Amino acid sequence: KVASLTAFLRHILQYSRTTHSTLQLALFYLLRARTNIQTSRNSVTSCGRRMFLAALICAHKYLQDKTYKNSAWSKVSGLKVVHVNMAEKLMLQLLDWQLHVKKETYEQWLSML
């Protein structure tokens, strides 16, 4: 049985001990990649759960000095490591490998949340 989206998100955020700033950055990455996600003809991009997880992993790795291995993300998400790796790589490509967000842009983003 597949968990509801709400249950999936709650589970991922709880067990990864995601900080507010990591979640905020992950959501920004999803917004930034949205056009590329929508025009992509890829089975990974059509799965909102995988795209959210990939954005969260990218944000976590960008912000945190001590981060989880993809095998840990695999256990938390229930996905195989190869699928976690694939989703993360695809998210990085969708973001054109640009994980830095200018301070002004980020502050504007936070004010919209």
PDB file of N, CA and C in Angstrom:
ATOM      1  N   LYS A   1       0.843  -1.191   0.000  1.00  0.00           N
ATOM      2  CA  LYS A   1       0.000   0.000   0.000  1.00  0.00           C
ATOM      3  C   LYS A   1       0.883   1.248   0.000  1.00  0.00           C
ATOM      4  N   VAL A   2       0.513   2.204  -0.810  1.00  0.00           N
ATOM      5  CA  VAL A   2       1.264   3.451  -0.918  1.00  0.00           C
ATOM      6  C   VAL A   2       0.707   4.448   0.089  1.00  0.00           C
ATOM      7  N   ALA A   3       1.598   5.076   0.830  1.00  0.00           N
ATOM      8  CA  ALA A   3       1.190   6.082   1.815  1.00  0.00           C
ATOM      9  C   ALA A   3       0.669   7.324   1.099  1.00  0.00           C
ATOM     10  N   SER A   4      -0.202   8.055   1.766  1.00  0.00           N
ATOM     11  CA  SER A   4      -0.681   9.319   1.196  1.00  0.00           C
ATOM     12  C   SER A   4       0.493  10.283   1.083  1.00  0.00           C
ATOM     13  N   LEU A   5       0.326  11.278   0.246  1.00  0.00           N
ATOM     14  CA  LEU A   5       1.393  12.265   0.074  1.00  0.00           C
ATOM     15  C   LEU A   5       1.715  12.941   1.403  1.00  0.00           C
ATOM     16  N   THR A   6       0.696  13.296   2.148  1.00  0.00           N
ATOM     17  CA  THR A   6       0.907  13.944   3.449  1.00  0.00           C
ATOM     18  C   THR A   6       1.701  13.037   4.381  1.00  0.00           C
ATOM     19  N   ALA A   7       1.333  11.766   4.435  1.00  0.00           N
ATOM     20  CA  ALA A   7       2.044  10.815   5.302  1.00  0.00           C
ATOM     21  C   ALA A   7       3.489  10.646   4.837  1.00  0.00           C
ATOM     22  N   PHE A   8       3.707  10.591   3.521  1.00  0.00           N
ATOM     23  CA  PHE A   8       5.055  10.461   2.980  1.00  0.00           C
ATOM     24  C   PHE A   8       5.903  11.660   3.373  1.00  0.00           C
ATOM     25  N   LEU A   9       5.379  12.866   3.163  1.00  0.00           N
ATOM     26  CA  LEU A   9       6.133  14.083   3.486  1.00  0.00           C
ATOM     27  C   LEU A   9       6.433  14.150   4.977  1.00  0.00           C
ATOM     28  N   ARG A  10       5.442  13.874   5.786  1.00  0.00           N
ATOM     29  CA  ARG A  10       5.631  13.913   7.235  1.00  0.00           C
ATOM     30  C   ARG A  10       6.718  12.910   7.659  1.00  0.00           C
ATOM     31  N   HIS A  11       6.667  11.717   7.096  1.00  0.00           N
ATOM     32  CA  HIS A  11       7.642  10.678   7.420  1.00  0.00           C
ATOM     33  C   HIS A  11       9.060  11.116   7.028  1.00  0.00           C
ATOM     34  N   ILE A  12       9.209  11.591   5.814  1.00  0.00           N
ATOM     35  CA  ILE A  12      10.532  12.028   5.329  1.00  0.00           C
ATOM     36  C   ILE A  12      11.082  13.150   6.200  1.00  0.00           C
ATOM     37  N   LEU A  13      10.256  14.146   6.475  1.00  0.00           N
ATOM     38  CA  LEU A  13      10.724  15.295   7.254  1.00  0.00           C
ATOM     39  C   LEU A  13      11.050  14.910   8.692  1.00  0.00           C
ATOM     40  N   GLN A  14      10.247  14.040   9.269  1.00  0.00           N
ATOM     41  CA  GLN A  14      10.482  13.628  10.642  1.00  0.00           C
ATOM     42  C   GLN A  14      11.744  12.781  10.778  1.00  0.00           C
ATOM     43  N   TYR A  15      11.880  11.776   9.952  1.00  0.00           N
ATOM     44  CA  TYR A  15      13.001  10.853  10.101  1.00  0.00           C
ATOM     45  C   TYR A  15      14.314  11.397   9.564  1.00  0.00           C
ATOM     46  N   SER A  16      14.257  12.394   8.720  1.00  0.00           N
ATOM     47  CA  SER A  16      15.495  13.023   8.259  1.00  0.00           C
ATOM     48  C   SER A  16      15.885  14.191   9.161  1.00  0.00           C
ATOM     49  N   ARG A  17      15.013  14.508  10.101  1.00  0.00           N
ATOM     50  CA  ARG A  17      15.227  15.643  11.015  1.00  0.00           C
ATOM     51  C   ARG A  17      15.573  16.916  10.245  1.00  0.00           C
ATOM     52  N   THR A  18      14.781  17.167   9.237  1.00  0.00           N
ATOM     53  CA  THR A  18      14.991  18.311   8.354  1.00  0.00           C
ATOM     54  C   THR A  18      14.741  19.617   9.094  1.00  0.00           C
ATOM     55  N   THR A  19      15.649  20.561   8.938  1.00  0.00           N
ATOM     56  CA  THR A  19      15.481  21.884   9.537  1.00  0.00           C
ATOM     57  C   THR A  19      14.551  22.731   8.669  1.00  0.00           C
ATOM     58  N   HIS A  20      14.040  23.795   9.260  1.00  0.00           N
ATOM     59  CA  HIS A  20      13.182  24.707   8.490  1.00  0.00           C
ATOM     60  C   HIS A  20      13.926  25.277   7.289  1.00  0.00           C
ATOM     61  N   SER A  21      15.180  25.665   7.492  1.00  0.00           N
ATOM     62  CA  SER A  21      15.930  26.279   6.389  1.00  0.00           C
ATOM     63  C   SER A  21      16.175  25.282   5.259  1.00  0.00           C
ATOM     64  N   THR A  22      16.397  24.018   5.597  1.00  0.00           N
ATOM     65  CA  THR A  22      16.591  22.998   4.562  1.00  0.00           C
ATOM     66  C   THR A  22      15.302  22.791   3.781  1.00  0.00           C
ATOM     67  N   LEU A  23      14.185  22.726   4.485  1.00  0.00           N
ATOM     68  CA  LEU A  23      12.888  22.575   3.816  1.00  0.00           C
ATOM     69  C   LEU A  23      12.597  23.784   2.929  1.00  0.00           C
ATOM     70  N   GLN A  24      12.862  24.976   3.423  1.00  0.00           N
ATOM     71  CA  GLN A  24      12.618  26.186   2.637  1.00  0.00           C
ATOM     72  C   GLN A  24      13.464  26.193   1.362  1.00  0.00           C
ATOM     73  N   LEU A  25      14.717  25.782   1.478  1.00  0.00           N
ATOM     74  CA  LEU A  25      15.582  25.744   0.303  1.00  0.00           C
ATOM     75  C   LEU A  25      15.123  24.662  -0.674  1.00  0.00           C
ATOM     76  N   ALA A  26      14.707  23.516  -0.151  1.00  0.00           N
ATOM     77  CA  ALA A  26      14.211  22.437  -1.016  1.00  0.00           C
ATOM     78  C   ALA A  26      12.995  22.907  -1.808  1.00  0.00           C
ATOM     79  N   LEU A  27      12.094  23.613  -1.152  1.00  0.00           N
ATOM     80  CA  LEU A  27      10.912  24.136  -1.848  1.00  0.00           C
ATOM     81  C   LEU A  27      11.310  25.158  -2.906  1.00  0.00           C
ATOM     82  N   PHE A  28      12.322  25.962  -2.607  1.00  0.00           N
ATOM     83  CA  PHE A  28      12.817  26.919  -3.598  1.00  0.00           C
ATOM     84  C   PHE A  28      13.392  26.185  -4.806  1.00  0.00           C
ATOM     85  N   TYR A  29      14.144  25.123  -4.564  1.00  0.00           N
ATOM     86  CA  TYR A  29      14.696  24.337  -5.668  1.00  0.00           C
ATOM     87  C   TYR A  29      13.579  23.774  -6.549  1.00  0.00           C
ATOM     88  N   LEU A  30      12.514  23.300  -5.924  1.00  0.00           N
ATOM     89  CA  LEU A  30      11.386  22.780  -6.708  1.00  0.00           C
ATOM     90  C   LEU A  30      10.769  23.882  -7.562  1.00  0.00           C
ATOM     91  N   LEU A  31      10.637  25.068  -6.984  1.00  0.00           N
ATOM     92  CA  LEU A  31      10.095  26.199  -7.738  1.00  0.00           C
ATOM     93  C   LEU A  31      11.020  26.555  -8.896  1.00  0.00           C
ATOM     94  N   ARG A  32      12.309  26.602  -8.627  1.00  0.00           N
ATOM     95  CA  ARG A  32      13.293  26.950  -9.657  1.00  0.00           C
ATOM     96  C   ARG A  32      13.300  25.918 -10.793  1.00  0.00           C
ATOM     97  N   ALA A  33      13.134  24.656 -10.444  1.00  0.00           N
ATOM     98  CA  ALA A  33      13.191  23.575 -11.437  1.00  0.00           C
ATOM     99  C   ALA A  33      11.836  23.288 -12.082  1.00  0.00           C
ATOM    100  N   ARG A  34      10.791  23.948 -11.621  1.00  0.00           N
ATOM    101  CA  ARG A  34       9.417  23.638 -12.049  1.00  0.00           C
ATOM    102  C   ARG A  34       9.241  23.583 -13.561  1.00  0.00           C
ATOM    103  N   THR A  35       9.707  24.578 -14.282  1.00  0.00           N
ATOM    104  CA  THR A  35       9.537  24.602 -15.731  1.00  0.00           C
ATOM    105  C   THR A  35      10.237  23.415 -16.379  1.00  0.00           C
ATOM    106  N   ASN A  36      11.449  23.125 -15.924  1.00  0.00           N
ATOM    107  CA  ASN A  36      12.182  21.986 -16.465  1.00  0.00           C
ATOM    108  C   ASN A  36      11.506  20.665 -16.111  1.00  0.00           C
ATOM    109  N   ILE A  37      10.944  20.591 -14.923  1.00  0.00           N
ATOM    110  CA  ILE A  37      10.230  19.378 -14.506  1.00  0.00           C
ATOM    111  C   ILE A  37       9.002  19.176 -15.398  1.00  0.00           C
ATOM    112  N   GLN A  38       8.267  20.253 -15.635  1.00  0.00           N
ATOM    113  CA  GLN A  38       7.032  20.160 -16.419  1.00  0.00           C
ATOM    114  C   GLN A  38       7.285  19.799 -17.880  1.00  0.00           C
ATOM    115  N   THR A  39       8.413  20.215 -18.432  1.00  0.00           N
ATOM    116  CA  THR A  39       8.697  19.933 -19.843  1.00  0.00           C
ATOM    117  C   THR A  39       9.481  18.644 -20.039  1.00  0.00           C
ATOM    118  N   SER A  40       9.955  18.074 -18.947  1.00  0.00           N
ATOM    119  CA  SER A  40      10.732  16.839 -19.033  1.00  0.00           C
ATOM    120  C   SER A  40       9.810  15.654 -19.289  1.00  0.00           C
ATOM    121  N   ARG A  41      10.262  14.743 -20.097  1.00  0.00           N
ATOM    122  CA  ARG A  41       9.518  13.510 -20.390  1.00  0.00           C
ATOM    123  C   ARG A  41      10.208  12.344 -19.695  1.00  0.00           C
ATOM    124  N   ASN A  42      10.368  12.463 -18.388  1.00  0.00           N
ATOM    125  CA  ASN A  42      11.111  11.480 -17.624  1.00  0.00           C
ATOM    126  C   ASN A  42      10.204  10.903 -16.545  1.00  0.00           C
ATOM    127  N   SER A  43      10.287   9.607 -16.325  1.00  0.00           N
ATOM    128  CA  SER A  43       9.430   8.975 -15.320  1.00  0.00           C
ATOM    129  C   SER A  43       9.743   9.470 -13.912  1.00  0.00           C
ATOM    130  N   VAL A  44      10.968   9.889 -13.664  1.00  0.00           N
ATOM    131  CA  VAL A  44      11.333  10.398 -12.337  1.00  0.00           C
ATOM    132  C   VAL A  44      10.706  11.764 -12.101  1.00  0.00           C
ATOM    133  N   THR A  45      10.744  12.631 -13.116  1.00  0.00           N
ATOM    134  CA  THR A  45      10.183  13.968 -12.934  1.00  0.00           C
ATOM    135  C   THR A  45       8.666  13.945 -12.807  1.00  0.00           C
ATOM    136  N   SER A  46       8.046  12.887 -13.286  1.00  0.00           N
ATOM    137  CA  SER A  46       6.588  12.806 -13.166  1.00  0.00           C
ATOM    138  C   SER A  46       6.154  12.348 -11.775  1.00  0.00           C
ATOM    139  N   CYS A  47       7.105  11.985 -10.933  1.00  0.00           N
ATOM    140  CA  CYS A  47       6.798  11.551  -9.569  1.00  0.00           C
ATOM    141  C   CYS A  47       7.133  12.683  -8.596  1.00  0.00           C
ATOM    142  N   GLY A  48       6.112  13.344  -8.102  1.00  0.00           N
ATOM    143  CA  GLY A  48       6.307  14.462  -7.184  1.00  0.00           C
ATOM    144  C   GLY A  48       7.054  14.080  -5.922  1.00  0.00           C
ATOM    145  N   ARG A  49       6.839  12.862  -5.451  1.00  0.00           N
ATOM    146  CA  ARG A  49       7.530  12.399  -4.242  1.00  0.00           C
ATOM    147  C   ARG A  49       9.039  12.319  -4.477  1.00  0.00           C
ATOM    148  N   ARG A  50       9.426  11.772  -5.619  1.00  0.00           N
ATOM    149  CA  ARG A  50      10.857  11.652  -5.916  1.00  0.00           C
ATOM    150  C   ARG A  50      11.494  13.021  -6.141  1.00  0.00           C
ATOM    151  N   MET A  51      10.763  13.922  -6.781  1.00  0.00           N
ATOM    152  CA  MET A  51      11.299  15.257  -7.008  1.00  0.00           C
ATOM    153  C   MET A  51      11.441  16.015  -5.681  1.00  0.00           C
ATOM    154  N   PHE A  52      10.464  15.850  -4.790  1.00  0.00           N
ATOM    155  CA  PHE A  52      10.574  16.479  -3.469  1.00  0.00           C
ATOM    156  C   PHE A  52      11.768  15.905  -2.715  1.00  0.00           C
ATOM    157  N   LEU A  53      11.893  14.589  -2.715  1.00  0.00           N
ATOM    158  CA  LEU A  53      13.012  13.948  -2.020  1.00  0.00           C
ATOM    159  C   LEU A  53      14.343  14.425  -2.600  1.00  0.00           C
ATOM    160  N   ALA A  54      14.437  14.489  -3.912  1.00  0.00           N
ATOM    161  CA  ALA A  54      15.675  14.928  -4.561  1.00  0.00           C
ATOM    162  C   ALA A  54      16.006  16.375  -4.187  1.00  0.00           C
ATOM    163  N   ALA A  55      15.010  17.237  -4.173  1.00  0.00           N
ATOM    164  CA  ALA A  55      15.230  18.632  -3.789  1.00  0.00           C
ATOM    165  C   ALA A  55      15.670  18.720  -2.332  1.00  0.00           C
ATOM    166  N   LEU A  56      15.064  17.907  -1.486  1.00  0.00           N
ATOM    167  CA  LEU A  56      15.419  17.892  -0.072  1.00  0.00           C
ATOM    168  C   LEU A  56      16.857  17.407   0.119  1.00  0.00           C
ATOM    169  N   ILE A  57      17.240  16.374  -0.598  1.00  0.00           N
ATOM    170  CA  ILE A  57      18.610  15.862  -0.513  1.00  0.00           C
ATOM    171  C   ILE A  57      19.606  16.928  -0.962  1.00  0.00           C
ATOM    172  N   CYS A  58      19.313  17.589  -2.074  1.00  0.00           N
ATOM    173  CA  CYS A  58      20.214  18.640  -2.577  1.00  0.00           C
ATOM    174  C   CYS A  58      20.339  19.778  -1.562  1.00  0.00           C
ATOM    175  N   ALA A  59      19.223  20.196  -0.995  1.00  0.00           N
ATOM    176  CA  ALA A  59      19.243  21.277  -0.006  1.00  0.00           C
ATOM    177  C   ALA A  59      20.004  20.846   1.244  1.00  0.00           C
ATOM    178  N   HIS A  60      19.775  19.635   1.679  1.00  0.00           N
ATOM    179  CA  HIS A  60      20.454  19.117   2.872  1.00  0.00           C
ATOM    180  C   HIS A  60      21.966  19.071   2.654  1.00  0.00           C
ATOM    181  N   LYS A  61      22.369  18.557   1.508  1.00  0.00           N
ATOM    182  CA  LYS A  61      23.801  18.457   1.226  1.00  0.00           C
ATOM    183  C   LYS A  61      24.438  19.836   1.040  1.00  0.00           C
ATOM    184  N   TYR A  62      23.668  20.786   0.525  1.00  0.00           N
ATOM    185  CA  TYR A  62      24.210  22.134   0.318  1.00  0.00           C
ATOM    186  C   TYR A  62      24.377  22.871   1.650  1.00  0.00           C
ATOM    187  N   LEU A  63      23.407  22.706   2.552  1.00  0.00           N
ATOM    188  CA  LEU A  63      23.404  23.492   3.789  1.00  0.00           C
ATOM    189  C   LEU A  63      24.123  22.845   4.969  1.00  0.00           C
ATOM    190  N   GLN A  64      24.136  21.535   5.014  1.00  0.00           N
ATOM    191  CA  GLN A  64      24.633  20.841   6.203  1.00  0.00           C
ATOM    192  C   GLN A  64      26.074  20.366   6.019  1.00  0.00           C
ATOM    193  N   ASP A  65      26.882  20.572   7.032  1.00  0.00           N
ATOM    194  CA  ASP A  65      28.266  20.078   6.993  1.00  0.00           C
ATOM    195  C   ASP A  65      28.294  18.558   7.114  1.00  0.00           C
ATOM    196  N   LYS A  66      27.442  18.042   7.963  1.00  0.00           N
ATOM    197  CA  LYS A  66      27.366  16.597   8.168  1.00  0.00           C
ATOM    198  C   LYS A  66      26.041  16.135   7.580  1.00  0.00           C
ATOM    199  N   THR A  67      26.112  15.365   6.530  1.00  0.00           N
ATOM    200  CA  THR A  67      24.896  14.994   5.820  1.00  0.00           C
ATOM    201  C   THR A  67      24.786  13.484   5.696  1.00  0.00           C
ATOM    202  N   TYR A  68      23.608  13.037   5.345  1.00  0.00           N
ATOM    203  CA  TYR A  68      23.337  11.608   5.214  1.00  0.00           C
ATOM    204  C   TYR A  68      23.855  11.079   3.884  1.00  0.00           C
ATOM    205  N   LYS A  69      24.219   9.810   3.885  1.00  0.00           N
ATOM    206  CA  LYS A  69      24.536   9.131   2.630  1.00  0.00           C
ATOM    207  C   LYS A  69      23.218   8.795   1.946  1.00  0.00           C
ATOM    208  N   ASN A  70      23.282   8.562   0.664  1.00  0.00           N
ATOM    209  CA  ASN A  70      22.060   8.228  -0.063  1.00  0.00           C
ATOM    210  C   ASN A  70      21.459   6.902   0.390  1.00  0.00           C
ATOM    211  N   SER A  71      22.260   6.044   0.992  1.00  0.00           N
ATOM    212  CA  SER A  71      21.716   4.797   1.539  1.00  0.00           C
ATOM    213  C   SER A  71      20.773   5.094   2.705  1.00  0.00           C
ATOM    214  N   ALA A  72      21.070   6.123   3.481  1.00  0.00           N
ATOM    215  CA  ALA A  72      20.168   6.525   4.576  1.00  0.00           C
ATOM    216  C   ALA A  72      18.880   7.116   4.010  1.00  0.00           C
ATOM    217  N   TRP A  73      18.993   7.941   2.971  1.00  0.00           N
ATOM    218  CA  TRP A  73      17.796   8.497   2.326  1.00  0.00           C
ATOM    219  C   TRP A  73      16.963   7.367   1.732  1.00  0.00           C
ATOM    220  N   SER A  74      17.622   6.338   1.260  1.00  0.00           N
ATOM    221  CA  SER A  74      16.933   5.183   0.716  1.00  0.00           C
ATOM    222  C   SER A  74      16.085   4.506   1.784  1.00  0.00           C
ATOM    223  N   LYS A  75      16.667   4.308   2.948  1.00  0.00           N
ATOM    224  CA  LYS A  75      15.934   3.673   4.047  1.00  0.00           C
ATOM    225  C   LYS A  75      14.746   4.518   4.487  1.00  0.00           C
ATOM    226  N   VAL A  76      14.952   5.817   4.588  1.00  0.00           N
ATOM    227  CA  VAL A  76      13.882   6.714   5.027  1.00  0.00           C
ATOM    228  C   VAL A  76      12.744   6.768   4.007  1.00  0.00           C
ATOM    229  N   SER A  77      13.092   6.764   2.724  1.00  0.00           N
ATOM    230  CA  SER A  77      12.078   6.938   1.677  1.00  0.00           C
ATOM    231  C   SER A  77      11.464   5.630   1.194  1.00  0.00           C
ATOM    232  N   GLY A  78      12.183   4.524   1.415  1.00  0.00           N
ATOM    233  CA  GLY A  78      11.699   3.252   0.902  1.00  0.00           C
ATOM    234  C   GLY A  78      12.069   3.008  -0.553  1.00  0.00           C
ATOM    235  N   LEU A  79      12.851   3.902  -1.128  1.00  0.00           N
ATOM    236  CA  LEU A  79      13.319   3.740  -2.509  1.00  0.00           C
ATOM    237  C   LEU A  79      14.664   3.018  -2.516  1.00  0.00           C
ATOM    238  N   LYS A  80      14.967   2.363  -3.604  1.00  0.00           N
ATOM    239  CA  LYS A  80      16.280   1.755  -3.761  1.00  0.00           C
ATOM    240  C   LYS A  80      17.314   2.871  -3.915  1.00  0.00           C
ATOM    241  N   VAL A  81      18.539   2.596  -3.458  1.00  0.00           N
ATOM    242  CA  VAL A  81      19.608   3.593  -3.535  1.00  0.00           C
ATOM    243  C   VAL A  81      19.804   4.072  -4.966  1.00  0.00           C
ATOM    244  N   VAL A  82      19.739   3.175  -5.924  1.00  0.00           N
ATOM    245  CA  VAL A  82      19.935   3.556  -7.326  1.00  0.00           C
ATOM    246  C   VAL A  82      18.881   4.577  -7.751  1.00  0.00           C
ATOM    247  N   HIS A  83      17.658   4.458  -7.249  1.00  0.00           N
ATOM    248  CA  HIS A  83      16.598   5.418  -7.593  1.00  0.00           C
ATOM    249  C   HIS A  83      16.800   6.761  -6.887  1.00  0.00           C
ATOM    250  N   VAL A  84      17.310   6.714  -5.664  1.00  0.00           N
ATOM    251  CA  VAL A  84      17.639   7.955  -4.949  1.00  0.00           C
ATOM    252  C   VAL A  84      18.754   8.681  -5.693  1.00  0.00           C
ATOM    253  N   ASN A  85      19.778   7.933  -6.086  1.00  0.00           N
ATOM    254  CA  ASN A  85      20.898   8.533  -6.833  1.00  0.00           C
ATOM    255  C   ASN A  85      20.412   9.166  -8.137  1.00  0.00           C
ATOM    256  N   MET A  86      19.552   8.440  -8.838  1.00  0.00           N
ATOM    257  CA  MET A  86      19.036   8.915 -10.119  1.00  0.00           C
ATOM    258  C   MET A  86      18.215  10.199  -9.937  1.00  0.00           C
ATOM    259  N   ALA A  87      17.373  10.223  -8.924  1.00  0.00           N
ATOM    260  CA  ALA A  87      16.542  11.405  -8.676  1.00  0.00           C
ATOM    261  C   ALA A  87      17.404  12.608  -8.300  1.00  0.00           C
ATOM    262  N   GLU A  88      18.409  12.383  -7.447  1.00  0.00           N
ATOM    263  CA  GLU A  88      19.292  13.482  -7.047  1.00  0.00           C
ATOM    264  C   GLU A  88      20.051  14.037  -8.251  1.00  0.00           C
ATOM    265  N   LYS A  89      20.600  13.162  -9.050  1.00  0.00           N
ATOM    266  CA  LYS A  89      21.349  13.612 -10.238  1.00  0.00           C
ATOM    267  C   LYS A  89      20.443  14.376 -11.187  1.00  0.00           C
ATOM    268  N   LEU A  90      19.228  13.887 -11.383  1.00  0.00           N
ATOM    269  CA  LEU A  90      18.292  14.565 -12.265  1.00  0.00           C
ATOM    270  C   LEU A  90      17.925  15.945 -11.718  1.00  0.00           C
ATOM    271  N   MET A  91      17.708  16.046 -10.412  1.00  0.00           N
ATOM    272  CA  MET A  91      17.395  17.354  -9.816  1.00  0.00           C
ATOM    273  C   MET A  91      18.553  18.318 -10.030  1.00  0.00           C
ATOM    274  N   LEU A  92      19.769  17.855  -9.835  1.00  0.00           N
ATOM    275  CA  LEU A  92      20.935  18.708 -10.061  1.00  0.00           C
ATOM    276  C   LEU A  92      20.996  19.178 -11.515  1.00  0.00           C
ATOM    277  N   GLN A  93      20.684  18.294 -12.438  1.00  0.00           N
ATOM    278  CA  GLN A  93      20.660  18.677 -13.849  1.00  0.00           C
ATOM    279  C   GLN A  93      19.552  19.689 -14.125  1.00  0.00           C
ATOM    280  N   LEU A  94      18.370  19.462 -13.533  1.00  0.00           N
ATOM    281  CA  LEU A  94      17.250  20.390 -13.725  1.00  0.00           C
ATOM    282  C   LEU A  94      17.576  21.778 -13.180  1.00  0.00           C
ATOM    283  N   LEU A  95      18.404  21.808 -12.140  1.00  0.00           N
ATOM    284  CA  LEU A  95      18.831  23.081 -11.539  1.00  0.00           C
ATOM    285  C   LEU A  95      20.096  23.620 -12.200  1.00  0.00           C
ATOM    286  N   ASP A  96      20.542  22.945 -13.248  1.00  0.00           N
ATOM    287  CA  ASP A  96      21.777  23.307 -13.951  1.00  0.00           C
ATOM    288  C   ASP A  96      22.958  23.354 -12.980  1.00  0.00           C
ATOM    289  N   TRP A  97      22.919  22.488 -11.980  1.00  0.00           N
ATOM    290  CA  TRP A  97      23.956  22.341 -10.976  1.00  0.00           C
ATOM    291  C   TRP A  97      24.165  23.613 -10.153  1.00  0.00           C
ATOM    292  N   GLN A  98      23.211  24.523 -10.197  1.00  0.00           N
ATOM    293  CA  GLN A  98      23.318  25.803  -9.486  1.00  0.00           C
ATOM    294  C   GLN A  98      22.526  25.727  -8.180  1.00  0.00           C
ATOM    295  N   LEU A  99      23.198  25.403  -7.085  1.00  0.00           N
ATOM    296  CA  LEU A  99      22.522  25.268  -5.800  1.00  0.00           C
ATOM    297  C   LEU A  99      22.556  26.553  -4.970  1.00  0.00           C
ATOM    298  N   HIS A 100      23.476  27.439  -5.300  1.00  0.00           N
ATOM    299  CA  HIS A 100      23.554  28.700  -4.551  1.00  0.00           C
ATOM    300  C   HIS A 100      22.372  29.595  -4.907  1.00  0.00           C
ATOM    301  N   VAL A 101      21.826  30.253  -3.892  1.00  0.00           N
ATOM    302  CA  VAL A 101      20.740  31.212  -4.089  1.00  0.00           C
ATOM    303  C   VAL A 101      21.224  32.549  -3.529  1.00  0.00           C
ATOM    304  N   LYS A 102      21.111  33.591  -4.317  1.00  0.00           N
ATOM    305  CA  LYS A 102      21.526  34.909  -3.851  1.00  0.00           C
ATOM    306  C   LYS A 102      20.723  35.298  -2.616  1.00  0.00           C
ATOM    307  N   LYS A 103      21.375  36.008  -1.709  1.00  0.00           N
ATOM    308  CA  LYS A 103      20.754  36.391  -0.438  1.00  0.00           C
ATOM    309  C   LYS A 103      19.440  37.137  -0.657  1.00  0.00           C
ATOM    310  N   GLU A 104      19.438  38.091  -1.591  1.00  0.00           N
ATOM    311  CA  GLU A 104      18.229  38.889  -1.841  1.00  0.00           C
ATOM    312  C   GLU A 104      17.090  37.995  -2.356  1.00  0.00           C
ATOM    313  N   THR A 105      17.435  37.073  -3.229  1.00  0.00           N
ATOM    314  CA  THR A 105      16.444  36.156  -3.795  1.00  0.00           C
ATOM    315  C   THR A 105      15.872  35.270  -2.702  1.00  0.00           C
ATOM    316  N   TYR A 106      16.738  34.760  -1.837  1.00  0.00           N
ATOM    317  CA  TYR A 106      16.302  33.879  -0.762  1.00  0.00           C
ATOM    318  C   TYR A 106      15.420  34.628   0.237  1.00  0.00           C
ATOM    319  N   GLU A 107      15.797  35.843   0.576  1.00  0.00           N
ATOM    320  CA  GLU A 107      14.997  36.642   1.505  1.00  0.00           C
ATOM    321  C   GLU A 107      13.622  36.946   0.908  1.00  0.00           C
ATOM    322  N   GLN A 108      13.568  37.219  -0.378  1.00  0.00           N
ATOM    323  CA  GLN A 108      12.293  37.450  -1.059  1.00  0.00           C
ATOM    324  C   GLN A 108      11.447  36.171  -1.011  1.00  0.00           C
ATOM    325  N   TRP A 109      12.083  35.042  -1.252  1.00  0.00           N
ATOM    326  CA  TRP A 109      11.402  33.740  -1.193  1.00  0.00           C
ATOM    327  C   TRP A 109      10.805  33.496   0.196  1.00  0.00           C
ATOM    328  N   LEU A 110      11.607  33.781   1.237  1.00  0.00           N
ATOM    329  CA  LEU A 110      11.135  33.578   2.604  1.00  0.00           C
ATOM    330  C   LEU A 110       9.932  34.466   2.917  1.00  0.00           C
ATOM    331  N   SER A 111       9.934  35.663   2.378  1.00  0.00           N
ATOM    332  CA  SER A 111       8.815  36.574   2.648  1.00  0.00           C
ATOM    333  C   SER A 111       7.534  36.092   1.974  1.00  0.00           C
ATOM    334  N   MET A 112       7.671  35.296   0.927  1.00  0.00           N
ATOM    335  CA  MET A 112       6.496  34.751   0.234  1.00  0.00           C
ATOM    336  C   MET A 112       5.934  33.516   0.940  1.00  0.00           C
ATOM    337  N   LEU A 113       6.772  32.864   1.736  1.00  0.00           N
ATOM    338  CA  LEU A 113       6.299  31.659   2.426  1.00  0.00           C
ATOM    339  C   LEU A 113       5.417  32.028   3.559  1.00  0.00           C
TER     340      LEU A 113
END
